[in-house]
């Protein structure tokens, strides 16, 4: 999977930009990351796992959690 990093100005609305980008064909997902207030890796993994459960991607959940537990710095 390829990703695109976009840096925005302080007065820009990340939520509005996220909405716009999600409507573009070929965009699978958009994630807002606040580098001044980083979210814990474990919290991100649980949120991702919750989405995977909804989609029935059980093998992916096991692999992601196993990877996170073995090498927490890689995610």
PDB file of N, CA and C in Angstrom:
ATOM      1  N   UNK A   1       0.839  -1.167   0.000  1.00  0.00           N
ATOM      2  CA  UNK A   1       0.000   0.000   0.000  1.00  0.00           C
ATOM      3  C   UNK A   1       0.888   1.237   0.000  1.00  0.00           C
ATOM      4  N   UNK A   2       0.500   2.218  -0.775  1.00  0.00           N
ATOM      5  CA  UNK A   2       1.211   3.485  -0.819  1.00  0.00           C
ATOM      6  C   UNK A   2       0.415   4.505  -0.027  1.00  0.00           C
ATOM      7  N   UNK A   3       1.110   5.486   0.512  1.00  0.00           N
ATOM      8  CA  UNK A   3       0.422   6.531   1.269  1.00  0.00           C
ATOM      9  C   UNK A   3       0.946   7.897   0.849  1.00  0.00           C
ATOM     10  N   UNK A   4       0.205   8.906   1.201  1.00  0.00           N
ATOM     11  CA  UNK A   4       0.530  10.282   0.857  1.00  0.00           C
ATOM     12  C   UNK A   4       0.478  11.100   2.134  1.00  0.00           C
ATOM     13  N   UNK A   5       1.517  11.871   2.399  1.00  0.00           N
ATOM     14  CA  UNK A   5       1.543  12.712   3.587  1.00  0.00           C
ATOM     15  C   UNK A   5       1.305  14.151   3.156  1.00  0.00           C
ATOM     16  N   UNK A   6       0.350  14.791   3.795  1.00  0.00           N
ATOM     17  CA  UNK A   6       0.022  16.182   3.486  1.00  0.00           C
ATOM     18  C   UNK A   6       0.187  17.003   4.754  1.00  0.00           C
ATOM     19  N   UNK A   7       0.987  18.046   4.686  1.00  0.00           N
ATOM     20  CA  UNK A   7       1.137  18.969   5.809  1.00  0.00           C
ATOM     21  C   UNK A   7       0.237  20.167   5.554  1.00  0.00           C
ATOM     22  N   UNK A   8      -0.546  20.535   6.558  1.00  0.00           N
ATOM     23  CA  UNK A   8      -1.478  21.645   6.387  1.00  0.00           C
ATOM     24  C   UNK A   8      -1.117  22.800   7.314  1.00  0.00           C
ATOM     25  N   UNK A   9      -1.603  23.965   6.950  1.00  0.00           N
ATOM     26  CA  UNK A   9      -1.374  25.145   7.775  1.00  0.00           C
ATOM     27  C   UNK A   9      -2.200  25.041   9.052  1.00  0.00           C
ATOM     28  N   UNK A  10      -1.798  25.777  10.082  1.00  0.00           N
ATOM     29  CA  UNK A  10      -2.474  25.707  11.377  1.00  0.00           C
ATOM     30  C   UNK A  10      -3.942  26.110  11.308  1.00  0.00           C
ATOM     31  N   UNK A  11      -4.282  27.047  10.443  1.00  0.00           N
ATOM     32  CA  UNK A  11      -5.665  27.526  10.400  1.00  0.00           C
ATOM     33  C   UNK A  11      -6.541  26.708   9.457  1.00  0.00           C
ATOM     34  N   UNK A  12      -5.977  25.684   8.806  1.00  0.00           N
ATOM     35  CA  UNK A  12      -6.757  24.840   7.891  1.00  0.00           C
ATOM     36  C   UNK A  12      -7.596  23.841   8.689  1.00  0.00           C
ATOM     37  N   UNK A  13      -8.685  23.393   8.094  1.00  0.00           N
ATOM     38  CA  UNK A  13      -9.573  22.438   8.745  1.00  0.00           C
ATOM     39  C   UNK A  13      -9.238  21.017   8.291  1.00  0.00           C
ATOM     40  N   UNK A  14      -8.588  20.226   9.149  1.00  0.00           N
ATOM     41  CA  UNK A  14      -8.237  18.866   8.739  1.00  0.00           C
ATOM     42  C   UNK A  14      -9.467  17.988   8.481  1.00  0.00           C
ATOM     43  N   UNK A  15     -10.535  18.222   9.208  1.00  0.00           N
ATOM     44  CA  UNK A  15     -11.754  17.435   9.017  1.00  0.00           C
ATOM     45  C   UNK A  15     -12.364  17.691   7.641  1.00  0.00           C
ATOM     46  N   UNK A  16     -12.373  18.946   7.205  1.00  0.00           N
ATOM     47  CA  UNK A  16     -12.921  19.296   5.900  1.00  0.00           C
ATOM     48  C   UNK A  16     -12.052  18.683   4.788  1.00  0.00           C
ATOM     49  N   UNK A  17     -10.741  18.773   4.954  1.00  0.00           N
ATOM     50  CA  UNK A  17      -9.826  18.193   3.977  1.00  0.00           C
ATOM     51  C   UNK A  17      -9.989  16.677   3.920  1.00  0.00           C
ATOM     52  N   UNK A  18     -10.173  16.048   5.070  1.00  0.00           N
ATOM     53  CA  UNK A  18     -10.391  14.605   5.126  1.00  0.00           C
ATOM     54  C   UNK A  18     -11.654  14.228   4.351  1.00  0.00           C
ATOM     55  N   UNK A  19     -12.733  14.965   4.542  1.00  0.00           N
ATOM     56  CA  UNK A  19     -13.989  14.708   3.845  1.00  0.00           C
ATOM     57  C   UNK A  19     -13.812  14.817   2.333  1.00  0.00           C
ATOM     58  N   UNK A  20     -13.118  15.839   1.910  1.00  0.00           N
ATOM     59  CA  UNK A  20     -12.883  16.047   0.476  1.00  0.00           C
ATOM     60  C   UNK A  20     -12.051  14.908  -0.111  1.00  0.00           C
ATOM     61  N   UNK A  21     -10.976  14.531   0.571  1.00  0.00           N
ATOM     62  CA  UNK A  21     -10.095  13.488   0.064  1.00  0.00           C
ATOM     63  C   UNK A  21     -10.786  12.124   0.015  1.00  0.00           C
ATOM     64  N   UNK A  22     -11.669  11.845   0.972  1.00  0.00           N
ATOM     65  CA  UNK A  22     -12.373  10.561   0.994  1.00  0.00           C
ATOM     66  C   UNK A  22     -13.318  10.402  -0.197  1.00  0.00           C
ATOM     67  N   UNK A  23     -13.685  11.501  -0.827  1.00  0.00           N
ATOM     68  CA  UNK A  23     -14.600  11.453  -1.963  1.00  0.00           C
ATOM     69  C   UNK A  23     -13.885  11.212  -3.296  1.00  0.00           C
ATOM     70  N   UNK A  24     -12.563  11.256  -3.290  1.00  0.00           N
ATOM     71  CA  UNK A  24     -11.791  11.055  -4.512  1.00  0.00           C
ATOM     72  C   UNK A  24     -11.677   9.569  -4.806  1.00  0.00           C
ATOM     73  N   UNK A  25     -11.962   9.218  -6.043  1.00  0.00           N
ATOM     74  CA  UNK A  25     -11.882   7.821  -6.476  1.00  0.00           C
ATOM     75  C   UNK A  25     -10.450   7.316  -6.321  1.00  0.00           C
ATOM     76  N   UNK A  26     -10.310   6.151  -5.735  1.00  0.00           N
ATOM     77  CA  UNK A  26      -9.002   5.559  -5.523  1.00  0.00           C
ATOM     78  C   UNK A  26      -8.435   5.797  -4.134  1.00  0.00           C
ATOM     79  N   UNK A  27      -9.046   6.688  -3.362  1.00  0.00           N
ATOM     80  CA  UNK A  27      -8.591   6.934  -2.001  1.00  0.00           C
ATOM     81  C   UNK A  27      -9.270   5.921  -1.094  1.00  0.00           C
ATOM     82  N   UNK A  28      -8.471   5.055  -0.467  1.00  0.00           N
ATOM     83  CA  UNK A  28      -9.014   3.991   0.381  1.00  0.00           C
ATOM     84  C   UNK A  28      -9.387   4.525   1.764  1.00  0.00           C
ATOM     85  N   UNK A  29      -8.529   5.338   2.357  1.00  0.00           N
ATOM     86  CA  UNK A  29      -8.814   5.907   3.673  1.00  0.00           C
ATOM     87  C   UNK A  29      -7.968   7.156   3.881  1.00  0.00           C
ATOM     88  N   UNK A  30      -8.418   7.975   4.806  1.00  0.00           N
ATOM     89  CA  UNK A  30      -7.712   9.206   5.171  1.00  0.00           C
ATOM     90  C   UNK A  30      -7.610   9.236   6.689  1.00  0.00           C
ATOM     91  N   UNK A  31      -6.423   9.497   7.200  1.00  0.00           N
ATOM     92  CA  UNK A  31      -6.203   9.516   8.640  1.00  0.00           C
ATOM     93  C   UNK A  31      -5.575  10.853   9.023  1.00  0.00           C
ATOM     94  N   UNK A  32      -6.103  11.471  10.050  1.00  0.00           N
ATOM     95  CA  UNK A  32      -5.541  12.724  10.562  1.00  0.00           C
ATOM     96  C   UNK A  32      -4.580  12.374  11.693  1.00  0.00           C
ATOM     97  N   UNK A  33      -3.329  12.825  11.559  1.00  0.00           N
ATOM     98  CA  UNK A  33      -2.310  12.565  12.573  1.00  0.00           C
ATOM     99  C   UNK A  33      -1.808  13.905  13.092  1.00  0.00           C
ATOM    100  N   UNK A  34      -1.962  14.112  14.368  1.00  0.00           N
ATOM    101  CA  UNK A  34      -1.489  15.334  15.004  1.00  0.00           C
ATOM    102  C   UNK A  34      -0.158  15.017  15.677  1.00  0.00           C
ATOM    103  N   UNK A  35       0.937  15.442  15.060  1.00  0.00           N
ATOM    104  CA  UNK A  35       2.266  15.115  15.582  1.00  0.00           C
ATOM    105  C   UNK A  35       2.545  15.773  16.935  1.00  0.00           C
ATOM    106  N   UNK A  36       1.838  16.833  17.259  1.00  0.00           N
ATOM    107  CA  UNK A  36       2.017  17.472  18.561  1.00  0.00           C
ATOM    108  C   UNK A  36       1.278  16.704  19.650  1.00  0.00           C
ATOM    109  N   UNK A  37       0.292  15.898  19.265  1.00  0.00           N
ATOM    110  CA  UNK A  37      -0.484  15.127  20.225  1.00  0.00           C
ATOM    111  C   UNK A  37      -0.639  13.701  19.676  1.00  0.00           C
ATOM    112  N   UNK A  38       0.472  12.930  19.634  1.00  0.00           N
ATOM    113  CA  UNK A  38       0.406  11.605  19.017  1.00  0.00           C
ATOM    114  C   UNK A  38      -0.459  10.633  19.808  1.00  0.00           C
ATOM    115  N   UNK A  39      -1.141   9.784  19.065  1.00  0.00           N
ATOM    116  CA  UNK A  39      -1.980   8.760  19.659  1.00  0.00           C
ATOM    117  C   UNK A  39      -1.100   7.543  19.929  1.00  0.00           C
ATOM    118  N   UNK A  40      -1.368   6.828  21.002  1.00  0.00           N
ATOM    119  CA  UNK A  40      -0.546   5.662  21.303  1.00  0.00           C
ATOM    120  C   UNK A  40      -0.704   4.603  20.220  1.00  0.00           C
ATOM    121  N   UNK A  41       0.356   3.881  19.979  1.00  0.00           N
ATOM    122  CA  UNK A  41       0.345   2.835  18.954  1.00  0.00           C
ATOM    123  C   UNK A  41      -0.681   1.758  19.293  1.00  0.00           C
ATOM    124  N   UNK A  42      -0.824   1.444  20.571  1.00  0.00           N
ATOM    125  CA  UNK A  42      -1.779   0.419  20.973  1.00  0.00           C
ATOM    126  C   UNK A  42      -3.209   0.869  20.709  1.00  0.00           C
ATOM    127  N   UNK A  43      -3.490   2.140  20.978  1.00  0.00           N
ATOM    128  CA  UNK A  43      -4.833   2.670  20.727  1.00  0.00           C
ATOM    129  C   UNK A  43      -5.155   2.619  19.229  1.00  0.00           C
ATOM    130  N   UNK A  44      -4.181   2.952  18.392  1.00  0.00           N
ATOM    131  CA  UNK A  44      -4.380   2.875  16.940  1.00  0.00           C
ATOM    132  C   UNK A  44      -4.632   1.435  16.507  1.00  0.00           C
ATOM    133  N   UNK A  45      -3.879   0.505  17.095  1.00  0.00           N
ATOM    134  CA  UNK A  45      -4.035  -0.906  16.735  1.00  0.00           C
ATOM    135  C   UNK A  45      -5.420  -1.409  17.110  1.00  0.00           C
ATOM    136  N   UNK A  46      -5.929  -1.009  18.275  1.00  0.00           N
ATOM    137  CA  UNK A  46      -7.270  -1.433  18.682  1.00  0.00           C
ATOM    138  C   UNK A  46      -8.343  -0.853  17.774  1.00  0.00           C
ATOM    139  N   UNK A  47      -8.183   0.391  17.379  1.00  0.00           N
ATOM    140  CA  UNK A  47      -9.157   1.006  16.475  1.00  0.00           C
ATOM    141  C   UNK A  47      -9.152   0.298  15.127  1.00  0.00           C
ATOM    142  N   UNK A  48      -7.945  -0.008  14.631  1.00  0.00           N
ATOM    143  CA  UNK A  48      -7.826  -0.718  13.360  1.00  0.00           C
ATOM    144  C   UNK A  48      -8.432  -2.119  13.481  1.00  0.00           C
ATOM    145  N   UNK A  49      -8.177  -2.789  14.605  1.00  0.00           N
ATOM    146  CA  UNK A  49      -8.720  -4.129  14.823  1.00  0.00           C
ATOM    147  C   UNK A  49     -10.236  -4.115  14.858  1.00  0.00           C
ATOM    148  N   UNK A  50     -10.807  -3.101  15.439  1.00  0.00           N
ATOM    149  CA  UNK A  50     -12.266  -2.979  15.499  1.00  0.00           C
ATOM    150  C   UNK A  50     -12.854  -2.902  14.089  1.00  0.00           C
ATOM    151  N   UNK A  51     -12.213  -2.123  13.222  1.00  0.00           N
ATOM    152  CA  UNK A  51     -12.667  -2.018  11.838  1.00  0.00           C
ATOM    153  C   UNK A  51     -12.490  -3.349  11.100  1.00  0.00           C
ATOM    154  N   UNK A  52     -11.390  -4.037  11.378  1.00  0.00           N
ATOM    155  CA  UNK A  52     -11.143  -5.322  10.729  1.00  0.00           C
ATOM    156  C   UNK A  52     -12.171  -6.360  11.171  1.00  0.00           C
ATOM    157  N   UNK A  53     -12.568  -6.321  12.441  1.00  0.00           N
ATOM    158  CA  UNK A  53     -13.595  -7.241  12.927  1.00  0.00           C
ATOM    159  C   UNK A  53     -14.910  -7.019  12.200  1.00  0.00           C
ATOM    160  N   UNK A  54     -15.256  -5.753  11.991  1.00  0.00           N
ATOM    161  CA  UNK A  54     -16.497  -5.438  11.283  1.00  0.00           C
ATOM    162  C   UNK A  54     -16.481  -6.006   9.866  1.00  0.00           C
ATOM    163  N   UNK A  55     -15.290  -6.037   9.251  1.00  0.00           N
ATOM    164  CA  UNK A  55     -15.154  -6.513   7.873  1.00  0.00           C
ATOM    165  C   UNK A  55     -14.897  -8.019   7.808  1.00  0.00           C
ATOM    166  N   UNK A  56     -14.717  -8.677   8.957  1.00  0.00           N
ATOM    167  CA  UNK A  56     -14.453 -10.112   8.969  1.00  0.00           C
ATOM    168  C   UNK A  56     -13.023 -10.478   8.639  1.00  0.00           C
ATOM    169  N   UNK A  57     -12.102  -9.571   8.814  1.00  0.00           N
ATOM    170  CA  UNK A  57     -10.685  -9.803   8.489  1.00  0.00           C
ATOM    171  C   UNK A  57      -9.942 -10.322   9.725  1.00  0.00           C
ATOM    172  N   UNK A  58     -10.317 -11.534  10.170  1.00  0.00           N
ATOM    173  CA  UNK A  58      -9.771 -12.080  11.412  1.00  0.00           C
ATOM    174  C   UNK A  58      -8.284 -12.391  11.333  1.00  0.00           C
ATOM    175  N   UNK A  59      -7.831 -12.928  10.202  1.00  0.00           N
ATOM    176  CA  UNK A  59      -6.417 -13.269  10.061  1.00  0.00           C
ATOM    177  C   UNK A  59      -5.554 -12.007  10.127  1.00  0.00           C
ATOM    178  N   UNK A  60      -6.032 -10.917   9.538  1.00  0.00           N
ATOM    179  CA  UNK A  60      -5.292  -9.648   9.570  1.00  0.00           C
ATOM    180  C   UNK A  60      -5.140  -9.135  10.990  1.00  0.00           C
ATOM    181  N   UNK A  61      -6.180  -9.298  11.796  1.00  0.00           N
ATOM    182  CA  UNK A  61      -6.133  -8.834  13.193  1.00  0.00           C
ATOM    183  C   UNK A  61      -5.037  -9.573  13.943  1.00  0.00           C
ATOM    184  N   UNK A  62      -5.037 -10.886  13.830  1.00  0.00           N
ATOM    185  CA  UNK A  62      -4.045 -11.699  14.536  1.00  0.00           C
ATOM    186  C   UNK A  62      -2.630 -11.304  14.097  1.00  0.00           C
ATOM    187  N   UNK A  63      -2.424 -11.157  12.791  1.00  0.00           N
ATOM    188  CA  UNK A  63      -1.102 -10.786  12.280  1.00  0.00           C
ATOM    189  C   UNK A  63      -0.674  -9.408  12.768  1.00  0.00           C
ATOM    190  N   UNK A  64      -1.586  -8.434  12.734  1.00  0.00           N
ATOM    191  CA  UNK A  64      -1.246  -7.073  13.172  1.00  0.00           C
ATOM    192  C   UNK A  64      -0.896  -7.028  14.655  1.00  0.00           C
ATOM    193  N   UNK A  65      -1.688  -7.706  15.485  1.00  0.00           N
ATOM    194  CA  UNK A  65      -1.428  -7.699  16.928  1.00  0.00           C
ATOM    195  C   UNK A  65      -0.119  -8.431  17.225  1.00  0.00           C
ATOM    196  N   UNK A  66       0.107  -9.549  16.554  1.00  0.00           N
ATOM    197  CA  UNK A  66       1.349 -10.297  16.740  1.00  0.00           C
ATOM    198  C   UNK A  66       2.554  -9.430  16.364  1.00  0.00           C
ATOM    199  N   UNK A  67       2.474  -8.729  15.238  1.00  0.00           N
ATOM    200  CA  UNK A  67       3.555  -7.842  14.807  1.00  0.00           C
ATOM    201  C   UNK A  67       3.792  -6.725  15.813  1.00  0.00           C
ATOM    202  N   UNK A  68       2.718  -6.136  16.323  1.00  0.00           N
ATOM    203  CA  UNK A  68       2.836  -5.035  17.285  1.00  0.00           C
ATOM    204  C   UNK A  68       3.488  -5.504  18.576  1.00  0.00           C
ATOM    205  N   UNK A  69       3.102  -6.687  19.040  1.00  0.00           N
ATOM    206  CA  UNK A  69       3.664  -7.215  20.283  1.00  0.00           C
ATOM    207  C   UNK A  69       5.128  -7.608  20.118  1.00  0.00           C
ATOM    208  N   UNK A  70       5.509  -8.110  18.955  1.00  0.00           N
ATOM    209  CA  UNK A  70       6.898  -8.516  18.712  1.00  0.00           C
ATOM    210  C   UNK A  70       7.811  -7.329  18.485  1.00  0.00           C
ATOM    211  N   UNK A  71       7.330  -6.307  17.795  1.00  0.00           N
ATOM    212  CA  UNK A  71       8.166  -5.159  17.472  1.00  0.00           C
ATOM    213  C   UNK A  71       7.308  -3.891  17.520  1.00  0.00           C
ATOM    214  N   UNK A  72       7.049  -3.369  18.715  1.00  0.00           N
ATOM    215  CA  UNK A  72       6.147  -2.218  18.840  1.00  0.00           C
ATOM    216  C   UNK A  72       6.636  -0.958  18.130  1.00  0.00           C
ATOM    217  N   UNK A  73       7.909  -0.830  17.839  1.00  0.00           N
ATOM    218  CA  UNK A  73       8.432   0.375  17.175  1.00  0.00           C
ATOM    219  C   UNK A  73       8.160   0.368  15.672  1.00  0.00           C
ATOM    220  N   UNK A  74       7.853  -0.795  15.093  1.00  0.00           N
ATOM    221  CA  UNK A  74       7.683  -0.877  13.643  1.00  0.00           C
ATOM    222  C   UNK A  74       6.357  -0.349  13.166  1.00  0.00           C
ATOM    223  N   UNK A  75       5.324  -0.246  13.989  1.00  0.00           N
ATOM    224  CA  UNK A  75       3.994   0.208  13.555  1.00  0.00           C
ATOM    225  C   UNK A  75       3.814   1.686  13.762  1.00  0.00           C
TER     226      UNK A  75
END
